[in-house]
């Protein structure tokens, strides 16, 4: 997830309508890679972004790792190993389907990943 409303997964760039620079002090961010391959981003328990089928069933078989890249002004990040997703049902944000097509560029000049999946 990048600061400017992008998620990168499986060599593709997906546009989303949420930006990390909108976070406030003490916000809780959750990142869920569902067994369907969907990526769901939560902030304070509410769905902020949803990308359908970003990961393929084959790619879900291996190990996945997240890499967290933060703003220079960030003073603290805590990872909660016991975190659980909010209870279902989850509601997609109004613009949940605003993602780049599969043929979109995989990166922009000078960009790097916030979460490496």
PDB file of N, CA and C in Angstrom:
ATOM      1  N   UNK A   1       0.867  -1.174   0.000  1.00  0.00           N
ATOM      2  CA  UNK A   1       0.000   0.000   0.000  1.00  0.00           C
ATOM      3  C   UNK A   1       0.900   1.219   0.000  1.00  0.00           C
ATOM      4  N   UNK A   2       0.639   2.119  -0.896  1.00  0.00           N
ATOM      5  CA  UNK A   2       1.446   3.333  -1.008  1.00  0.00           C
ATOM      6  C   UNK A   2       0.664   4.515  -0.449  1.00  0.00           C
ATOM      7  N   UNK A   3       1.388   5.582  -0.205  1.00  0.00           N
ATOM      8  CA  UNK A   3       0.784   6.784   0.378  1.00  0.00           C
ATOM      9  C   UNK A   3      -0.265   7.403  -0.542  1.00  0.00           C
ATOM     10  N   UNK A   4      -0.089   7.282  -1.838  1.00  0.00           N
ATOM     11  CA  UNK A   4      -0.913   7.999  -2.789  1.00  0.00           C
ATOM     12  C   UNK A   4      -2.022   7.158  -3.397  1.00  0.00           C
ATOM     13  N   UNK A   5      -2.578   6.233  -2.645  1.00  0.00           N
ATOM     14  CA  UNK A   5      -3.756   5.510  -3.091  1.00  0.00           C
ATOM     15  C   UNK A   5      -3.486   4.378  -4.059  1.00  0.00           C
ATOM     16  N   UNK A   6      -2.477   3.571  -3.771  1.00  0.00           N
ATOM     17  CA  UNK A   6      -2.161   2.425  -4.620  1.00  0.00           C
ATOM     18  C   UNK A   6      -1.866   1.197  -3.756  1.00  0.00           C
ATOM     19  N   UNK A   7      -2.231   0.031  -4.263  1.00  0.00           N
ATOM     20  CA  UNK A   7      -1.826  -1.244  -3.681  1.00  0.00           C
ATOM     21  C   UNK A   7      -1.106  -2.003  -4.787  1.00  0.00           C
ATOM     22  N   UNK A   8       0.039  -2.577  -4.453  1.00  0.00           N
ATOM     23  CA  UNK A   8       0.784  -3.397  -5.398  1.00  0.00           C
ATOM     24  C   UNK A   8       0.724  -4.844  -4.931  1.00  0.00           C
ATOM     25  N   UNK A   9       0.342  -5.746  -5.826  1.00  0.00           N
ATOM     26  CA  UNK A   9       0.281  -7.160  -5.478  1.00  0.00           C
ATOM     27  C   UNK A   9       0.400  -7.979  -6.758  1.00  0.00           C
ATOM     28  N   UNK A  10       1.238  -8.987  -6.724  1.00  0.00           N
ATOM     29  CA  UNK A  10       1.369  -9.889  -7.863  1.00  0.00           C
ATOM     30  C   UNK A  10       1.794  -9.204  -9.138  1.00  0.00           C
ATOM     31  N   UNK A  11       2.628  -8.168  -9.025  1.00  0.00           N
ATOM     32  CA  UNK A  11       3.110  -7.467 -10.204  1.00  0.00           C
ATOM     33  C   UNK A  11       2.105  -6.513 -10.824  1.00  0.00           C
ATOM     34  N   UNK A  12       1.014  -6.227 -10.127  1.00  0.00           N
ATOM     35  CA  UNK A  12       0.007  -5.300 -10.636  1.00  0.00           C
ATOM     36  C   UNK A  12      -0.189  -4.148  -9.670  1.00  0.00           C
ATOM     37  N   UNK A  13      -0.583  -3.026 -10.220  1.00  0.00           N
ATOM     38  CA  UNK A  13      -0.862  -1.824  -9.436  1.00  0.00           C
ATOM     39  C   UNK A  13      -2.374  -1.626  -9.405  1.00  0.00           C
ATOM     40  N   UNK A  14      -2.940  -1.483  -8.211  1.00  0.00           N
ATOM     41  CA  UNK A  14      -4.373  -1.266  -8.038  1.00  0.00           C
ATOM     42  C   UNK A  14      -4.598   0.102  -7.423  1.00  0.00           C
ATOM     43  N   UNK A  15      -5.484   0.887  -8.010  1.00  0.00           N
ATOM     44  CA  UNK A  15      -5.817   2.209  -7.471  1.00  0.00           C
ATOM     45  C   UNK A  15      -6.907   2.054  -6.422  1.00  0.00           C
ATOM     46  N   UNK A  16      -6.746   2.749  -5.315  1.00  0.00           N
ATOM     47  CA  UNK A  16      -7.769   2.762  -4.278  1.00  0.00           C
ATOM     48  C   UNK A  16      -8.038   4.203  -3.880  1.00  0.00           C
ATOM     49  N   UNK A  17      -9.160   4.447  -3.222  1.00  0.00           N
ATOM     50  CA  UNK A  17      -9.533   5.811  -2.833  1.00  0.00           C
ATOM     51  C   UNK A  17      -9.148   6.143  -1.406  1.00  0.00           C
ATOM     52  N   UNK A  18      -8.202   5.431  -0.843  1.00  0.00           N
ATOM     53  CA  UNK A  18      -7.722   5.708   0.511  1.00  0.00           C
ATOM     54  C   UNK A  18      -6.237   5.991   0.441  1.00  0.00           C
ATOM     55  N   UNK A  19      -5.783   6.921   1.262  1.00  0.00           N
ATOM     56  CA  UNK A  19      -4.366   7.279   1.287  1.00  0.00           C
ATOM     57  C   UNK A  19      -3.864   7.237   2.723  1.00  0.00           C
ATOM     58  N   UNK A  20      -2.691   6.653   2.911  1.00  0.00           N
ATOM     59  CA  UNK A  20      -2.119   6.499   4.244  1.00  0.00           C
ATOM     60  C   UNK A  20      -1.879   7.841   4.926  1.00  0.00           C
ATOM     61  N   UNK A  21      -1.661   8.901   4.169  1.00  0.00           N
ATOM     62  CA  UNK A  21      -1.412  10.195   4.801  1.00  0.00           C
ATOM     63  C   UNK A  21      -2.662  10.782   5.457  1.00  0.00           C
ATOM     64  N   UNK A  22      -3.803  10.094   5.331  1.00  0.00           N
ATOM     65  CA  UNK A  22      -5.026  10.511   6.011  1.00  0.00           C
ATOM     66  C   UNK A  22      -5.127   9.947   7.426  1.00  0.00           C
ATOM     67  N   UNK A  23      -4.191   9.071   7.806  1.00  0.00           N
ATOM     68  CA  UNK A  23      -4.225   8.478   9.140  1.00  0.00           C
ATOM     69  C   UNK A  23      -3.995   9.517  10.224  1.00  0.00           C
ATOM     70  N   UNK A  24      -4.633   9.292  11.349  1.00  0.00           N
ATOM     71  CA  UNK A  24      -4.486  10.165  12.513  1.00  0.00           C
ATOM     72  C   UNK A  24      -3.796   9.392  13.639  1.00  0.00           C
ATOM     73  N   UNK A  25      -3.292  10.106  14.619  1.00  0.00           N
ATOM     74  CA  UNK A  25      -2.656   9.495  15.781  1.00  0.00           C
ATOM     75  C   UNK A  25      -3.604   8.458  16.406  1.00  0.00           C
ATOM     76  N   UNK A  26      -3.094   7.297  16.718  1.00  0.00           N
ATOM     77  CA  UNK A  26      -3.816   6.200  17.370  1.00  0.00           C
ATOM     78  C   UNK A  26      -4.762   5.425  16.456  1.00  0.00           C
ATOM     79  N   UNK A  27      -4.786   5.716  15.160  1.00  0.00           N
ATOM     80  CA  UNK A  27      -5.597   4.911  14.258  1.00  0.00           C
ATOM     81  C   UNK A  27      -5.050   3.492  14.218  1.00  0.00           C
ATOM     82  N   UNK A  28      -5.952   2.522  14.094  1.00  0.00           N
ATOM     83  CA  UNK A  28      -5.566   1.111  13.983  1.00  0.00           C
ATOM     84  C   UNK A  28      -5.819   0.662  12.549  1.00  0.00           C
ATOM     85  N   UNK A  29      -4.770   0.181  11.903  1.00  0.00           N
ATOM     86  CA  UNK A  29      -4.847  -0.232  10.507  1.00  0.00           C
ATOM     87  C   UNK A  29      -4.754  -1.749  10.437  1.00  0.00           C
ATOM     88  N   UNK A  30      -5.643  -2.365   9.687  1.00  0.00           N
ATOM     89  CA  UNK A  30      -5.619  -3.802   9.469  1.00  0.00           C
ATOM     90  C   UNK A  30      -5.535  -4.100   7.988  1.00  0.00           C
ATOM     91  N   UNK A  31      -4.749  -5.103   7.663  1.00  0.00           N
ATOM     92  CA  UNK A  31      -4.551  -5.514   6.277  1.00  0.00           C
ATOM     93  C   UNK A  31      -4.868  -6.998   6.201  1.00  0.00           C
ATOM     94  N   UNK A  32      -5.892  -7.356   5.439  1.00  0.00           N
ATOM     95  CA  UNK A  32      -6.319  -8.746   5.359  1.00  0.00           C
ATOM     96  C   UNK A  32      -6.173  -9.260   3.933  1.00  0.00           C
ATOM     97  N   UNK A  33      -5.465 -10.354   3.794  1.00  0.00           N
ATOM     98  CA  UNK A  33      -5.429 -11.081   2.535  1.00  0.00           C
ATOM     99  C   UNK A  33      -6.339 -12.286   2.736  1.00  0.00           C
ATOM    100  N   UNK A  34      -7.529 -12.208   2.157  1.00  0.00           N
ATOM    101  CA  UNK A  34      -8.544 -13.247   2.358  1.00  0.00           C
ATOM    102  C   UNK A  34      -8.195 -14.498   1.566  1.00  0.00           C
ATOM    103  N   UNK A  35      -8.769 -15.628   1.962  1.00  0.00           N
ATOM    104  CA  UNK A  35      -8.493 -16.875   1.251  1.00  0.00           C
ATOM    105  C   UNK A  35      -9.054 -16.872  -0.161  1.00  0.00           C
ATOM    106  N   UNK A  36      -9.848 -15.880  -0.506  1.00  0.00           N
ATOM    107  CA  UNK A  36     -10.348 -15.693  -1.878  1.00  0.00           C
ATOM    108  C   UNK A  36      -9.360 -14.932  -2.742  1.00  0.00           C
ATOM    109  N   UNK A  37      -8.294 -14.394  -2.113  1.00  0.00           N
ATOM    110  CA  UNK A  37      -7.329 -13.569  -2.834  1.00  0.00           C
ATOM    111  C   UNK A  37      -7.652 -12.086  -2.762  1.00  0.00           C
ATOM    112  N   UNK A  38      -8.772 -11.739  -2.141  1.00  0.00           N
ATOM    113  CA  UNK A  38      -9.130 -10.325  -1.985  1.00  0.00           C
ATOM    114  C   UNK A  38      -8.223  -9.672  -0.950  1.00  0.00           C
ATOM    115  N   UNK A  39      -7.907  -8.407  -1.172  1.00  0.00           N
ATOM    116  CA  UNK A  39      -7.186  -7.601  -0.197  1.00  0.00           C
ATOM    117  C   UNK A  39      -8.183  -6.623   0.404  1.00  0.00           C
ATOM    118  N   UNK A  40      -8.247  -6.601   1.730  1.00  0.00           N
ATOM    119  CA  UNK A  40      -9.168  -5.691   2.418  1.00  0.00           C
ATOM    120  C   UNK A  40      -8.363  -4.882   3.420  1.00  0.00           C
ATOM    121  N   UNK A  41      -8.497  -3.571   3.352  1.00  0.00           N
ATOM    122  CA  UNK A  41      -7.803  -2.651   4.252  1.00  0.00           C
ATOM    123  C   UNK A  41      -8.816  -2.044   5.211  1.00  0.00           C
ATOM    124  N   UNK A  42      -8.547  -2.172   6.502  1.00  0.00           N
ATOM    125  CA  UNK A  42      -9.420  -1.624   7.539  1.00  0.00           C
ATOM    126  C   UNK A  42      -8.696  -0.489   8.255  1.00  0.00           C
ATOM    127  N   UNK A  43      -9.430   0.531   8.647  1.00  0.00           N
ATOM    128  CA  UNK A  43      -8.916   1.563   9.543  1.00  0.00           C
ATOM    129  C   UNK A  43      -9.955   1.725  10.640  1.00  0.00           C
ATOM    130  N   UNK A  44      -9.516   1.497  11.872  1.00  0.00           N
ATOM    131  CA  UNK A  44     -10.399   1.567  13.034  1.00  0.00           C
ATOM    132  C   UNK A  44     -11.647   0.694  12.865  1.00  0.00           C
ATOM    133  N   UNK A  45     -11.462  -0.487  12.264  1.00  0.00           N
ATOM    134  CA  UNK A  45     -12.539  -1.451  12.119  1.00  0.00           C
ATOM    135  C   UNK A  45     -13.435  -1.260  10.909  1.00  0.00           C
ATOM    136  N   UNK A  46     -13.255  -0.177  10.161  1.00  0.00           N
ATOM    137  CA  UNK A  46     -14.084   0.083   8.985  1.00  0.00           C
ATOM    138  C   UNK A  46     -13.294  -0.200   7.708  1.00  0.00           C
ATOM    139  N   UNK A  47     -13.938  -0.825   6.738  1.00  0.00           N
ATOM    140  CA  UNK A  47     -13.285  -1.110   5.466  1.00  0.00           C
ATOM    141  C   UNK A  47     -13.010   0.199   4.737  1.00  0.00           C
ATOM    142  N   UNK A  48     -11.765   0.384   4.321  1.00  0.00           N
ATOM    143  CA  UNK A  48     -11.374   1.576   3.567  1.00  0.00           C
ATOM    144  C   UNK A  48     -11.050   1.264   2.117  1.00  0.00           C
ATOM    145  N   UNK A  49     -10.612   0.031   1.840  1.00  0.00           N
ATOM    146  CA  UNK A  49     -10.284  -0.374   0.470  1.00  0.00           C
ATOM    147  C   UNK A  49     -10.497  -1.870   0.348  1.00  0.00           C
ATOM    148  N   UNK A  50     -10.900  -2.281  -0.866  1.00  0.00           N
ATOM    149  CA  UNK A  50     -11.149  -3.695  -1.127  1.00  0.00           C
ATOM    150  C   UNK A  50     -10.757  -3.950  -2.576  1.00  0.00           C
ATOM    151  N   UNK A  51      -9.841  -4.873  -2.786  1.00  0.00           N
ATOM    152  CA  UNK A  51      -9.420  -5.230  -4.136  1.00  0.00           C
ATOM    153  C   UNK A  51      -9.761  -6.703  -4.345  1.00  0.00           C
ATOM    154  N   UNK A  52     -10.667  -6.971  -5.281  1.00  0.00           N
ATOM    155  CA  UNK A  52     -11.096  -8.336  -5.571  1.00  0.00           C
ATOM    156  C   UNK A  52      -9.980  -9.128  -6.253  1.00  0.00           C
ATOM    157  N   UNK A  53      -9.711 -10.326  -5.742  1.00  0.00           N
ATOM    158  CA  UNK A  53      -8.835 -11.272  -6.418  1.00  0.00           C
ATOM    159  C   UNK A  53      -7.450 -10.780  -6.756  1.00  0.00           C
ATOM    160  N   UNK A  54      -6.860  -9.961  -5.900  1.00  0.00           N
ATOM    161  CA  UNK A  54      -5.519  -9.447  -6.182  1.00  0.00           C
ATOM    162  C   UNK A  54      -4.477 -10.557  -6.164  1.00  0.00           C
ATOM    163  N   UNK A  55      -4.691 -11.563  -5.345  1.00  0.00           N
ATOM    164  CA  UNK A  55      -3.782 -12.708  -5.273  1.00  0.00           C
ATOM    165  C   UNK A  55      -4.463 -13.918  -5.900  1.00  0.00           C
ATOM    166  N   UNK A  56      -3.695 -14.710  -6.618  1.00  0.00           N
ATOM    167  CA  UNK A  56      -4.246 -15.905  -7.248  1.00  0.00           C
ATOM    168  C   UNK A  56      -4.283 -17.058  -6.254  1.00  0.00           C
ATOM    169  N   UNK A  57      -5.152 -18.033  -6.469  1.00  0.00           N
ATOM    170  CA  UNK A  57      -5.173 -19.191  -5.574  1.00  0.00           C
ATOM    171  C   UNK A  57      -3.806 -19.873  -5.464  1.00  0.00           C
ATOM    172  N   UNK A  58      -3.066 -19.935  -6.576  1.00  0.00           N
ATOM    173  CA  UNK A  58      -1.744 -20.553  -6.549  1.00  0.00           C
ATOM    174  C   UNK A  58      -0.785 -19.780  -5.647  1.00  0.00           C
ATOM    175  N   UNK A  59      -0.845 -18.459  -5.721  1.00  0.00           N
ATOM    176  CA  UNK A  59       0.092 -17.654  -4.928  1.00  0.00           C
ATOM    177  C   UNK A  59      -0.229 -17.702  -3.432  1.00  0.00           C
ATOM    178  N   UNK A  60      -1.461 -18.040  -3.086  1.00  0.00           N
ATOM    179  CA  UNK A  60      -1.839 -18.123  -1.674  1.00  0.00           C
ATOM    180  C   UNK A  60      -1.237 -19.344  -0.988  1.00  0.00           C
ATOM    181  N   UNK A  61      -0.707 -20.285  -1.764  1.00  0.00           N
ATOM    182  CA  UNK A  61      -0.147 -21.505  -1.193  1.00  0.00           C
ATOM    183  C   UNK A  61       1.192 -21.271  -0.501  1.00  0.00           C
ATOM    184  N   UNK A  62       1.932 -20.254  -0.887  1.00  0.00           N
ATOM    185  CA  UNK A  62       3.257 -20.008  -0.326  1.00  0.00           C
ATOM    186  C   UNK A  62       3.223 -19.112   0.891  1.00  0.00           C
ATOM    187  N   UNK A  63       4.404 -18.745   1.356  1.00  0.00           N
ATOM    188  CA  UNK A  63       4.525 -17.814   2.478  1.00  0.00           C
ATOM    189  C   UNK A  63       4.320 -16.387   1.994  1.00  0.00           C
ATOM    190  N   UNK A  64       3.731 -15.576   2.851  1.00  0.00           N
ATOM    191  CA  UNK A  64       3.499 -14.167   2.560  1.00  0.00           C
ATOM    192  C   UNK A  64       4.147 -13.333   3.654  1.00  0.00           C
ATOM    193  N   UNK A  65       4.717 -12.206   3.275  1.00  0.00           N
ATOM    194  CA  UNK A  65       5.374 -11.322   4.222  1.00  0.00           C
ATOM    195  C   UNK A  65       4.928  -9.891   3.946  1.00  0.00           C
ATOM    196  N   UNK A  66       4.755  -9.142   4.994  1.00  0.00           N
ATOM    197  CA  UNK A  66       4.415  -7.724   4.851  1.00  0.00           C
ATOM    198  C   UNK A  66       5.644  -6.896   5.183  1.00  0.00           C
ATOM    199  N   UNK A  67       5.843  -5.854   4.404  1.00  0.00           N
ATOM    200  CA  UNK A  67       6.907  -4.893   4.664  1.00  0.00           C
ATOM    201  C   UNK A  67       6.222  -3.555   4.907  1.00  0.00           C
ATOM    202  N   UNK A  68       6.504  -2.952   6.036  1.00  0.00           N
ATOM    203  CA  UNK A  68       5.872  -1.695   6.409  1.00  0.00           C
ATOM    204  C   UNK A  68       6.815  -0.533   6.135  1.00  0.00           C
ATOM    205  N   UNK A  69       6.375   0.401   5.320  1.00  0.00           N
ATOM    206  CA  UNK A  69       7.134   1.596   4.983  1.00  0.00           C
ATOM    207  C   UNK A  69       6.338   2.774   5.537  1.00  0.00           C
ATOM    208  N   UNK A  70       6.948   3.590   6.374  1.00  0.00           N
ATOM    209  CA  UNK A  70       6.209   4.666   7.038  1.00  0.00           C
ATOM    210  C   UNK A  70       6.740   6.028   6.626  1.00  0.00           C
ATOM    211  N   UNK A  71       5.921   7.049   6.846  1.00  0.00           N
ATOM    212  CA  UNK A  71       6.329   8.426   6.607  1.00  0.00           C
ATOM    213  C   UNK A  71       7.481   8.802   7.522  1.00  0.00           C
ATOM    214  N   UNK A  72       8.294   9.742   7.098  1.00  0.00           N
ATOM    215  CA  UNK A  72       9.402  10.222   7.921  1.00  0.00           C
ATOM    216  C   UNK A  72       8.932  10.842   9.225  1.00  0.00           C
ATOM    217  N   UNK A  73       7.705  11.322   9.276  1.00  0.00           N
ATOM    218  CA  UNK A  73       7.182  11.958  10.484  1.00  0.00           C
ATOM    219  C   UNK A  73       6.609  10.937  11.467  1.00  0.00           C
ATOM    220  N   UNK A  74       6.586   9.658  11.112  1.00  0.00           N
ATOM    221  CA  UNK A  74       6.040   8.629  11.997  1.00  0.00           C
ATOM    222  C   UNK A  74       6.956   8.444  13.195  1.00  0.00           C
ATOM    223  N   UNK A  75       6.374   8.444  14.386  1.00  0.00           N
ATOM    224  CA  UNK A  75       7.177   8.285  15.598  1.00  0.00           C
ATOM    225  C   UNK A  75       7.028   6.915  16.231  1.00  0.00           C
ATOM    226  N   UNK A  76       5.953   6.181  15.908  1.00  0.00           N
ATOM    227  CA  UNK A  76       5.750   4.887  16.541  1.00  0.00           C
ATOM    228  C   UNK A  76       4.825   4.021  15.699  1.00  0.00           C
ATOM    229  N   UNK A  77       5.171   2.750  15.586  1.00  0.00           N
ATOM    230  CA  UNK A  77       4.309   1.751  14.955  1.00  0.00           C
ATOM    231  C   UNK A  77       4.343   0.524  15.850  1.00  0.00           C
ATOM    232  N   UNK A  78       3.172  -0.029  16.128  1.00  0.00           N
ATOM    233  CA  UNK A  78       3.089  -1.255  16.912  1.00  0.00           C
ATOM    234  C   UNK A  78       2.415  -2.324  16.070  1.00  0.00           C
ATOM    235  N   UNK A  79       3.009  -3.496  16.017  1.00  0.00           N
ATOM    236  CA  UNK A  79       2.388  -4.623  15.342  1.00  0.00           C
ATOM    237  C   UNK A  79       1.747  -5.507  16.398  1.00  0.00           C
ATOM    238  N   UNK A  80       0.504  -5.870  16.188  1.00  0.00           N
ATOM    239  CA  UNK A  80      -0.232  -6.672  17.153  1.00  0.00           C
ATOM    240  C   UNK A  80      -0.359  -8.098  16.622  1.00  0.00           C
ATOM    241  N   UNK A  81       0.459  -9.032  17.113  1.00  0.00           N
ATOM    242  CA  UNK A  81       0.415 -10.398  16.598  1.00  0.00           C
ATOM    243  C   UNK A  81      -0.895 -11.118  16.904  1.00  0.00           C
ATOM    244  N   UNK A  82      -1.677 -10.619  17.826  1.00  0.00           N
ATOM    245  CA  UNK A  82      -2.952 -11.247  18.176  1.00  0.00           C
ATOM    246  C   UNK A  82      -4.145 -10.562  17.502  1.00  0.00           C
ATOM    247  N   UNK A  83      -3.886  -9.623  16.606  1.00  0.00           N
ATOM    248  CA  UNK A  83      -4.967  -8.871  15.960  1.00  0.00           C
ATOM    249  C   UNK A  83      -5.872  -9.798  15.155  1.00  0.00           C
ATOM    250  N   UNK A  84      -7.142  -9.490  15.149  1.00  0.00           N
ATOM    251  CA  UNK A  84      -8.148 -10.232  14.388  1.00  0.00           C
ATOM    252  C   UNK A  84      -8.930  -9.242  13.529  1.00  0.00           C
ATOM    253  N   UNK A  85      -9.416  -9.676  12.375  1.00  0.00           N
ATOM    254  CA  UNK A  85     -10.232  -8.763  11.572  1.00  0.00           C
ATOM    255  C   UNK A  85     -11.532  -8.442  12.293  1.00  0.00           C
ATOM    256  N   UNK A  86     -12.132  -7.303  11.978  1.00  0.00           N
ATOM    257  CA  UNK A  86     -13.431  -6.967  12.565  1.00  0.00           C
ATOM    258  C   UNK A  86     -14.467  -8.018  12.176  1.00  0.00           C
ATOM    259  N   UNK A  87     -15.519  -8.122  12.963  1.00  0.00           N
ATOM    260  CA  UNK A  87     -16.576  -9.090  12.668  1.00  0.00           C
ATOM    261  C   UNK A  87     -17.271  -8.809  11.345  1.00  0.00           C
ATOM    262  N   UNK A  88     -17.691  -9.879  10.694  1.00  0.00           N
ATOM    263  CA  UNK A  88     -18.440  -9.743   9.444  1.00  0.00           C
ATOM    264  C   UNK A  88     -19.882  -9.398   9.768  1.00  0.00           C
ATOM    265  N   UNK A  89     -20.664  -8.892   8.872  1.00  0.00           N
ATOM    266  CA  UNK A  89     -20.326  -8.679   7.461  1.00  0.00           C
ATOM    267  C   UNK A  89     -19.540  -7.389   7.265  1.00  0.00           C
ATOM    268  N   UNK A  90     -18.654  -7.411   6.282  1.00  0.00           N
ATOM    269  CA  UNK A  90     -17.881  -6.224   5.939  1.00  0.00           C
ATOM    270  C   UNK A  90     -18.547  -5.531   4.766  1.00  0.00           C
ATOM    271  N   UNK A  91     -18.574  -4.217   4.826  1.00  0.00           N
ATOM    272  CA  UNK A  91     -19.171  -3.446   3.733  1.00  0.00           C
ATOM    273  C   UNK A  91     -18.079  -2.834   2.892  1.00  0.00           C
ATOM    274  N   UNK A  92     -18.199  -3.014   1.593  1.00  0.00           N
ATOM    275  CA  UNK A  92     -17.224  -2.413   0.684  1.00  0.00           C
ATOM    276  C   UNK A  92     -17.417  -0.896   0.667  1.00  0.00           C
ATOM    277  N   UNK A  93     -16.317  -0.163   0.558  1.00  0.00           N
ATOM    278  CA  UNK A  93     -16.476   1.290   0.401  1.00  0.00           C
ATOM    279  C   UNK A  93     -17.164   1.599  -0.924  1.00  0.00           C
ATOM    280  N   UNK A  94     -17.771   2.765  -1.024  1.00  0.00           N
ATOM    281  CA  UNK A  94     -18.554   3.133  -2.207  1.00  0.00           C
ATOM    282  C   UNK A  94     -17.752   2.986  -3.495  1.00  0.00           C
ATOM    283  N   UNK A  95     -16.473   3.307  -3.468  1.00  0.00           N
ATOM    284  CA  UNK A  95     -15.636   3.242  -4.674  1.00  0.00           C
ATOM    285  C   UNK A  95     -14.739   2.013  -4.650  1.00  0.00           C
ATOM    286  N   UNK A  96     -15.249   0.910  -4.171  1.00  0.00           N
ATOM    287  CA  UNK A  96     -14.429  -0.296  -3.998  1.00  0.00           C
ATOM    288  C   UNK A  96     -13.875  -0.836  -5.307  1.00  0.00           C
ATOM    289  N   UNK A  97     -14.492  -0.528  -6.414  1.00  0.00           N
ATOM    290  CA  UNK A  97     -14.058  -1.106  -7.686  1.00  0.00           C
ATOM    291  C   UNK A  97     -13.219  -0.149  -8.514  1.00  0.00           C
ATOM    292  N   UNK A  98     -12.559   0.782  -7.888  1.00  0.00           N
ATOM    293  CA  UNK A  98     -11.728   1.743  -8.606  1.00  0.00           C
ATOM    294  C   UNK A  98     -10.285   1.251  -8.637  1.00  0.00           C
ATOM    295  N   UNK A  99     -10.021   0.206  -9.423  1.00  0.00           N
ATOM    296  CA  UNK A  99      -8.658  -0.286  -9.511  1.00  0.00           C
ATOM    297  C   UNK A  99      -8.200  -0.303 -10.950  1.00  0.00           C
ATOM    298  N   UNK A 100      -6.895  -0.357 -11.124  1.00  0.00           N
ATOM    299  CA  UNK A 100      -6.329  -0.367 -12.458  1.00  0.00           C
ATOM    300  C   UNK A 100      -6.623  -1.690 -13.140  1.00  0.00           C
ATOM    301  N   UNK A 101      -6.745  -1.680 -14.449  1.00  0.00           N
ATOM    302  CA  UNK A 101      -6.937  -2.928 -15.171  1.00  0.00           C
ATOM    303  C   UNK A 101      -5.658  -3.767 -15.124  1.00  0.00           C
ATOM    304  N   UNK A 102      -5.775  -5.084 -15.386  1.00  0.00           N
ATOM    305  CA  UNK A 102      -4.608  -5.953 -15.309  1.00  0.00           C
ATOM    306  C   UNK A 102      -3.446  -5.510 -16.187  1.00  0.00           C
ATOM    307  N   UNK A 103      -3.707  -4.809 -17.282  1.00  0.00           N
ATOM    308  CA  UNK A 103      -2.625  -4.399 -18.162  1.00  0.00           C
ATOM    309  C   UNK A 103      -1.959  -3.089 -17.709  1.00  0.00           C
ATOM    310  N   UNK A 104      -2.304  -2.594 -16.522  1.00  0.00           N
ATOM    311  CA  UNK A 104      -1.730  -1.340 -16.029  1.00  0.00           C
ATOM    312  C   UNK A 104      -0.248  -1.516 -15.726  1.00  0.00           C
ATOM    313  N   UNK A 105       0.491  -0.409 -15.684  1.00  0.00           N
ATOM    314  CA  UNK A 105       1.909  -0.523 -15.344  1.00  0.00           C
ATOM    315  C   UNK A 105       2.074  -1.098 -13.941  1.00  0.00           C
ATOM    316  N   UNK A 106       3.140  -1.837 -13.730  1.00  0.00           N
ATOM    317  CA  UNK A 106       3.344  -2.459 -12.435  1.00  0.00           C
ATOM    318  C   UNK A 106       4.013  -1.531 -11.452  1.00  0.00           C
ATOM    319  N   UNK A 107       4.576  -0.454 -11.917  1.00  0.00           N
ATOM    320  CA  UNK A 107       5.202   0.483 -10.996  1.00  0.00           C
ATOM    321  C   UNK A 107       5.388   1.817 -11.689  1.00  0.00           C
ATOM    322  N   UNK A 108       5.685   2.820 -10.901  1.00  0.00           N
ATOM    323  CA  UNK A 108       5.995   4.140 -11.402  1.00  0.00           C
ATOM    324  C   UNK A 108       7.460   4.415 -11.133  1.00  0.00           C
ATOM    325  N   UNK A 109       8.056   5.285 -11.886  1.00  0.00           N
ATOM    326  CA  UNK A 109       9.468   5.591 -11.704  1.00  0.00           C
ATOM    327  C   UNK A 109       9.707   6.059 -10.273  1.00  0.00           C
ATOM    328  N   UNK A 110      10.677   5.457  -9.633  1.00  0.00           N
ATOM    329  CA  UNK A 110      11.046   5.865  -8.273  1.00  0.00           C
ATOM    330  C   UNK A 110      10.151   5.332  -7.177  1.00  0.00           C
ATOM    331  N   UNK A 111       9.153   4.515  -7.506  1.00  0.00           N
ATOM    332  CA  UNK A 111       8.256   4.033  -6.460  1.00  0.00           C
ATOM    333  C   UNK A 111       8.828   2.799  -5.792  1.00  0.00           C
ATOM    334  N   UNK A 112       8.314   2.492  -4.613  1.00  0.00           N
ATOM    335  CA  UNK A 112       8.671   1.264  -3.912  1.00  0.00           C
ATOM    336  C   UNK A 112       7.474   0.795  -3.106  1.00  0.00           C
ATOM    337  N   UNK A 113       7.493  -0.413  -2.627  1.00  0.00           N
ATOM    338  CA  UNK A 113       6.345  -0.992  -1.951  1.00  0.00           C
ATOM    339  C   UNK A 113       6.317  -0.657  -0.470  1.00  0.00           C
ATOM    340  N   UNK A 114       5.119  -0.482   0.049  1.00  0.00           N
ATOM    341  CA  UNK A 114       4.953  -0.345   1.493  1.00  0.00           C
ATOM    342  C   UNK A 114       4.738  -1.719   2.099  1.00  0.00           C
ATOM    343  N   UNK A 115       3.912  -2.547   1.462  1.00  0.00           N
ATOM    344  CA  UNK A 115       3.697  -3.915   1.897  1.00  0.00           C
ATOM    345  C   UNK A 115       4.131  -4.801   0.746  1.00  0.00           C
ATOM    346  N   UNK A 116       5.012  -5.698   0.994  1.00  0.00           N
ATOM    347  CA  UNK A 116       5.469  -6.633  -0.019  1.00  0.00           C
ATOM    348  C   UNK A 116       4.788  -7.954   0.221  1.00  0.00           C
ATOM    349  N   UNK A 117       4.000  -8.378  -0.752  1.00  0.00           N
ATOM    350  CA  UNK A 117       3.231  -9.613  -0.581  1.00  0.00           C
ATOM    351  C   UNK A 117       3.695 -10.659  -1.555  1.00  0.00           C
TER     352      UNK A 117
END
